[in-house]
Amino acid sequence: MVTDPGKRAALADLYRLGLARPRQQVVRDGVNRGDPVRGQRIADSAQYLYDHLHEVPVLLVPCIRVQGRHENGSHVGQANTWGSILPAVWQFMLAARSRGLGTAWTTPHLHYEKEAAELLGIPYETVLQTALIPLAHTIGTDFRPGPRVAAEQIAHWDAW
């Protein structure tokens, strides 16, 4: 958890740099995420985070220890690594929400992961950063379920 104002500001700068000048191409997944009105709300929220990330009181950088960097590793190996960290971070985010705290999974700073590692003293060769998660009190407690597609449209039983 990063609470030092200078380090939070530096991480926010790396986040913004990752959006403005990514070091690698990010392939768009092509998923239809809903209607244009919802898309505009998401864009507005993303812009707000871009403008104010340095003001968030706590930034969480979840990490996982590895035997070595494996950006070009096998799909199975990468799935094993991500499968080790995602459930833990998701549980943290759910616990935060139950306490009136908001979070968001972000990754643009990973374009500059080595610089973030240097900033935070993370051993780059053996520890992967997996996200940058702002943690703060929400504007309200009016949490409601997000729009979801009916399970039968996406879940398959015994065959596709």
C-alpha atoms as a PDB file:
ATOM      1  CA  MET A   1       0.000   0.000   0.000  1.00  0.00           C
ATOM      2  CA  VAL A   2       1.359   3.358  -0.980  1.00  0.00           C
ATOM      3  CA  THR A   3       0.356   6.322   1.178  1.00  0.00           C
ATOM      4  CA  ASP A   4       3.386   8.605   0.789  1.00  0.00           C
ATOM      5  CA  PRO A   5       2.154  11.659  -1.179  1.00  0.00           C
ATOM      6  CA  GLY A   6       5.312  11.902  -3.298  1.00  0.00           C
ATOM      7  CA  LYS A   7       5.223   8.238  -4.274  1.00  0.00           C
ATOM      8  CA  ARG A   8       1.489   8.404  -4.992  1.00  0.00           C
ATOM      9  CA  ALA A   9       2.081  11.389  -7.266  1.00  0.00           C
ATOM     10  CA  ALA A  10       4.932   9.590  -9.049  1.00  0.00           C
ATOM     11  CA  LEU A  11       2.762   6.473  -9.548  1.00  0.00           C
ATOM     12  CA  ALA A  12      -0.053   8.657 -10.871  1.00  0.00           C
ATOM     13  CA  ASP A  13       2.422  10.158 -13.346  1.00  0.00           C
ATOM     14  CA  LEU A  14       3.431   6.656 -14.520  1.00  0.00           C
ATOM     15  CA  TYR A  15      -0.264   5.755 -14.864  1.00  0.00           C
ATOM     16  CA  ARG A  16      -0.881   8.826 -17.026  1.00  0.00           C
ATOM     17  CA  LEU A  17       2.266   8.157 -19.040  1.00  0.00           C
ATOM     18  CA  GLY A  18       1.079   4.598 -19.633  1.00  0.00           C
ATOM     19  CA  LEU A  19      -2.128   5.973 -21.132  1.00  0.00           C
ATOM     20  CA  ALA A  20      -0.487   8.743 -23.131  1.00  0.00           C
ATOM     21  CA  ARG A  21       2.611   6.847 -24.334  1.00  0.00           C
ATOM     22  CA  PRO A  22       2.152   3.098 -23.856  1.00  0.00           C
ATOM     23  CA  ARG A  23       5.288   1.052 -24.484  1.00  0.00           C
ATOM     24  CA  GLN A  24       3.410  -1.793 -26.115  1.00  0.00           C
ATOM     25  CA  GLN A  25       0.264  -2.062 -28.153  1.00  0.00           C
ATOM     26  CA  VAL A  26      -2.808  -2.958 -26.150  1.00  0.00           C
ATOM     27  CA  VAL A  27      -5.115  -5.103 -28.236  1.00  0.00           C
ATOM     28  CA  ARG A  28      -8.728  -4.084 -27.836  1.00  0.00           C
ATOM     29  CA  ASP A  29     -10.882  -7.061 -26.937  1.00  0.00           C
ATOM     30  CA  GLY A  30     -13.858  -6.004 -29.054  1.00  0.00           C
ATOM     31  CA  VAL A  31     -16.316  -6.800 -26.270  1.00  0.00           C
ATOM     32  CA  ASN A  32     -19.584  -4.901 -26.507  1.00  0.00           C
ATOM     33  CA  ARG A  33     -19.736  -3.269 -23.089  1.00  0.00           C
ATOM     34  CA  GLY A  34     -23.233  -1.827 -23.416  1.00  0.00           C
ATOM     35  CA  ASP A  35     -25.035   1.200 -24.655  1.00  0.00           C
ATOM     36  CA  PRO A  36     -23.313   4.501 -25.565  1.00  0.00           C
ATOM     37  CA  VAL A  37     -24.702   6.286 -22.482  1.00  0.00           C
ATOM     38  CA  ARG A  38     -23.037   3.726 -20.210  1.00  0.00           C
ATOM     39  CA  GLY A  39     -19.872   4.002 -22.284  1.00  0.00           C
ATOM     40  CA  GLN A  40     -19.824   7.770 -21.780  1.00  0.00           C
ATOM     41  CA  ARG A  41     -20.217   7.332 -18.004  1.00  0.00           C
ATOM     42  CA  ILE A  42     -17.242   4.972 -18.019  1.00  0.00           C
ATOM     43  CA  ALA A  43     -15.210   7.442 -20.111  1.00  0.00           C
ATOM     44  CA  ASP A  44     -16.102  10.300 -17.747  1.00  0.00           C
ATOM     45  CA  SER A  45     -15.101   8.192 -14.751  1.00  0.00           C
ATOM     46  CA  ALA A  46     -11.807   7.233 -16.397  1.00  0.00           C
ATOM     47  CA  GLN A  47     -11.065  10.887 -17.151  1.00  0.00           C
ATOM     48  CA  TYR A  48     -11.762  11.830 -13.533  1.00  0.00           C
ATOM     49  CA  LEU A  49      -9.344   9.146 -12.332  1.00  0.00           C
ATOM     50  CA  TYR A  50      -6.740  10.371 -14.836  1.00  0.00           C
ATOM     51  CA  ASP A  51      -7.068  13.909 -13.475  1.00  0.00           C
ATOM     52  CA  HIS A  52      -7.194  13.019  -9.763  1.00  0.00           C
ATOM     53  CA  LEU A  53      -5.295   9.748  -9.186  1.00  0.00           C
ATOM     54  CA  HIS A  54      -2.503  11.587  -7.347  1.00  0.00           C
ATOM     55  CA  GLU A  55      -5.097  12.748  -4.774  1.00  0.00           C
ATOM     56  CA  VAL A  56      -6.290   9.248  -3.845  1.00  0.00           C
ATOM     57  CA  PRO A  57      -5.153   8.552  -0.260  1.00  0.00           C
ATOM     58  CA  VAL A  58      -4.041   4.947  -0.828  1.00  0.00           C
ATOM     59  CA  LEU A  59      -2.746   3.179  -3.920  1.00  0.00           C
ATOM     60  CA  LEU A  60      -2.473  -0.589  -3.763  1.00  0.00           C
ATOM     61  CA  VAL A  61       0.042  -2.315  -6.029  1.00  0.00           C
ATOM     62  CA  PRO A  62      -0.686  -6.049  -5.773  1.00  0.00           C
ATOM     63  CA  CYS A  63       2.360  -8.144  -6.587  1.00  0.00           C
ATOM     64  CA  ILE A  64       3.238 -11.772  -7.018  1.00  0.00           C
ATOM     65  CA  ARG A  65       6.659 -13.314  -6.478  1.00  0.00           C
ATOM     66  CA  VAL A  66       7.915 -15.306  -9.471  1.00  0.00           C
ATOM     67  CA  GLN A  67      11.044 -17.275 -10.297  1.00  0.00           C
ATOM     68  CA  GLY A  68      11.725 -14.921 -13.175  1.00  0.00           C
ATOM     69  CA  ARG A  69      10.067 -12.570 -15.640  1.00  0.00           C
ATOM     70  CA  HIS A  70       7.962 -14.407 -18.190  1.00  0.00           C
ATOM     71  CA  GLU A  71       6.243 -11.863 -20.406  1.00  0.00           C
ATOM     72  CA  ASN A  72       6.656 -14.245 -23.326  1.00  0.00           C
ATOM     73  CA  GLY A  73       5.890 -17.358 -21.306  1.00  0.00           C
ATOM     74  CA  SER A  74       3.328 -19.972 -22.145  1.00  0.00           C
ATOM     75  CA  HIS A  75      -0.370 -19.263 -21.925  1.00  0.00           C
ATOM     76  CA  VAL A  76      -0.722 -21.957 -19.239  1.00  0.00           C
ATOM     77  CA  GLY A  77       2.126 -20.532 -17.186  1.00  0.00           C
ATOM     78  CA  GLN A  78       0.688 -17.046 -17.347  1.00  0.00           C
ATOM     79  CA  ALA A  79      -2.775 -18.351 -16.426  1.00  0.00           C
ATOM     80  CA  ASN A  80      -1.270 -20.062 -13.373  1.00  0.00           C
ATOM     81  CA  THR A  81       0.460 -16.861 -12.291  1.00  0.00           C
ATOM     82  CA  TRP A  82      -2.623 -14.648 -12.750  1.00  0.00           C
ATOM     83  CA  GLY A  83      -4.817 -17.302 -11.140  1.00  0.00           C
ATOM     84  CA  SER A  84      -2.681 -16.982  -8.023  1.00  0.00           C
ATOM     85  CA  ILE A  85      -3.195 -13.234  -7.579  1.00  0.00           C
ATOM     86  CA  LEU A  86      -6.611 -12.362  -9.042  1.00  0.00           C
ATOM     87  CA  PRO A  87      -8.767 -14.097  -6.403  1.00  0.00           C
ATOM     88  CA  ALA A  88      -6.858 -12.451  -3.548  1.00  0.00           C
ATOM     89  CA  VAL A  89      -7.118  -8.968  -5.037  1.00  0.00           C
ATOM     90  CA  TRP A  90     -10.795  -9.445  -5.921  1.00  0.00           C
ATOM     91  CA  GLN A  91     -11.521 -10.437  -2.320  1.00  0.00           C
ATOM     92  CA  PHE A  92      -9.667  -7.341  -1.114  1.00  0.00           C
ATOM     93  CA  MET A  93     -11.759  -5.170  -3.435  1.00  0.00           C
ATOM     94  CA  LEU A  94     -15.003  -6.779  -2.237  1.00  0.00           C
ATOM     95  CA  ALA A  95     -13.979  -6.304   1.395  1.00  0.00           C
ATOM     96  CA  ALA A  96     -13.203  -2.640   0.689  1.00  0.00           C
ATOM     97  CA  ARG A  97     -16.601  -2.142  -0.916  1.00  0.00           C
ATOM     98  CA  SER A  98     -18.353  -3.685   2.098  1.00  0.00           C
ATOM     99  CA  ARG A  99     -16.655  -0.977   4.190  1.00  0.00           C
ATOM    100  CA  GLY A 100     -17.739   1.905   1.948  1.00  0.00           C
ATOM    101  CA  LEU A 101     -14.423   2.117   0.128  1.00  0.00           C
ATOM    102  CA  GLY A 102     -14.136   2.305  -3.632  1.00  0.00           C
ATOM    103  CA  THR A 103     -11.528   0.592  -5.772  1.00  0.00           C
ATOM    104  CA  ALA A 104     -10.760   0.224  -9.461  1.00  0.00           C
ATOM    105  CA  TRP A 105      -8.486  -2.257 -11.213  1.00  0.00           C
ATOM    106  CA  THR A 106      -6.125  -0.238 -13.416  1.00  0.00           C
ATOM    107  CA  THR A 107      -3.058  -1.315 -15.391  1.00  0.00           C
ATOM    108  CA  PRO A 108      -1.616   1.586 -17.467  1.00  0.00           C
ATOM    109  CA  HIS A 109       1.312   2.059 -15.080  1.00  0.00           C
ATOM    110  CA  LEU A 110       2.500  -1.430 -16.056  1.00  0.00           C
ATOM    111  CA  HIS A 111       3.857   0.062 -19.283  1.00  0.00           C
ATOM    112  CA  TYR A 112       6.389   1.615 -16.891  1.00  0.00           C
ATOM    113  CA  GLU A 113       6.551  -1.248 -14.390  1.00  0.00           C
ATOM    114  CA  LYS A 114      10.317  -1.133 -14.076  1.00  0.00           C
ATOM    115  CA  GLU A 115      10.203   2.555 -13.123  1.00  0.00           C
ATOM    116  CA  ALA A 116       7.435   1.836 -10.607  1.00  0.00           C
ATOM    117  CA  ALA A 117       9.525  -0.998  -9.177  1.00  0.00           C
ATOM    118  CA  GLU A 118      12.467   1.363  -8.731  1.00  0.00           C
ATOM    119  CA  LEU A 119      10.217   3.956  -7.080  1.00  0.00           C
ATOM    120  CA  LEU A 120       8.790   1.433  -4.612  1.00  0.00           C
ATOM    121  CA  GLY A 121      11.866  -0.754  -4.075  1.00  0.00           C
ATOM    122  CA  ILE A 122      10.194  -3.787  -5.650  1.00  0.00           C
ATOM    123  CA  PRO A 123      12.687  -6.402  -6.934  1.00  0.00           C
ATOM    124  CA  TYR A 124      11.739  -6.215 -10.629  1.00  0.00           C
ATOM    125  CA  GLU A 125      13.294  -9.513 -11.753  1.00  0.00           C
ATOM    126  CA  THR A 126      11.390 -11.658  -9.239  1.00  0.00           C
ATOM    127  CA  VAL A 127       8.201  -9.726  -8.443  1.00  0.00           C
ATOM    128  CA  LEU A 128       5.443  -8.901 -10.929  1.00  0.00           C
ATOM    129  CA  GLN A 129       3.178  -5.933 -10.313  1.00  0.00           C
ATOM    130  CA  THR A 130      -0.317  -6.864 -11.416  1.00  0.00           C
ATOM    131  CA  ALA A 131      -2.321  -3.642 -11.105  1.00  0.00           C
ATOM    132  CA  LEU A 132      -2.572  -0.205  -9.548  1.00  0.00           C
ATOM    133  CA  ILE A 133      -5.702   0.004  -7.415  1.00  0.00           C
ATOM    134  CA  PRO A 134      -6.833   3.335  -5.979  1.00  0.00           C
ATOM    135  CA  LEU A 135      -8.544   2.959  -2.591  1.00  0.00           C
ATOM    136  CA  ALA A 136     -10.682   5.737  -1.162  1.00  0.00           C
ATOM    137  CA  HIS A 137     -14.003   6.542   0.455  1.00  0.00           C
ATOM    138  CA  THR A 138     -16.769   6.732  -2.100  1.00  0.00           C
ATOM    139  CA  ILE A 139     -18.946   9.753  -2.712  1.00  0.00           C
ATOM    140  CA  GLY A 140     -21.934   7.766  -1.485  1.00  0.00           C
ATOM    141  CA  THR A 141     -23.014   4.351  -0.319  1.00  0.00           C
ATOM    142  CA  ASP A 142     -25.574   3.950  -3.064  1.00  0.00           C
ATOM    143  CA  PHE A 143     -23.997   0.749  -4.356  1.00  0.00           C
ATOM    144  CA  ARG A 144     -26.158  -1.199  -6.750  1.00  0.00           C
ATOM    145  CA  PRO A 145     -25.501  -4.126  -9.032  1.00  0.00           C
ATOM    146  CA  GLY A 146     -23.990  -3.283 -12.379  1.00  0.00           C
ATOM    147  CA  PRO A 147     -25.806  -4.229 -15.553  1.00  0.00           C
ATOM    148  CA  ARG A 148     -25.292  -7.891 -16.333  1.00  0.00           C
ATOM    149  CA  VAL A 149     -26.088 -10.145 -19.246  1.00  0.00           C
ATOM    150  CA  ALA A 150     -28.344 -13.066 -18.343  1.00  0.00           C
ATOM    151  CA  ALA A 151     -26.226 -16.045 -17.262  1.00  0.00           C
ATOM    152  CA  GLU A 152     -27.791 -18.315 -19.879  1.00  0.00           C
ATOM    153  CA  GLN A 153     -26.398 -16.020 -22.594  1.00  0.00           C
ATOM    154  CA  ILE A 154     -22.809 -16.529 -21.494  1.00  0.00           C
ATOM    155  CA  ALA A 155     -22.661 -19.740 -19.451  1.00  0.00           C
ATOM    156  CA  HIS A 156     -22.550 -23.053 -21.276  1.00  0.00           C
ATOM    157  CA  TRP A 157     -23.193 -26.488 -19.832  1.00  0.00           C
ATOM    158  CA  ASP A 158     -21.397 -29.552 -21.207  1.00  0.00           C
ATOM    159  CA  ALA A 159     -20.915 -27.908 -24.628  1.00  0.00           C
ATOM    160  CA  TRP A 160     -20.682 -24.508 -26.253  1.00  0.00           C
END
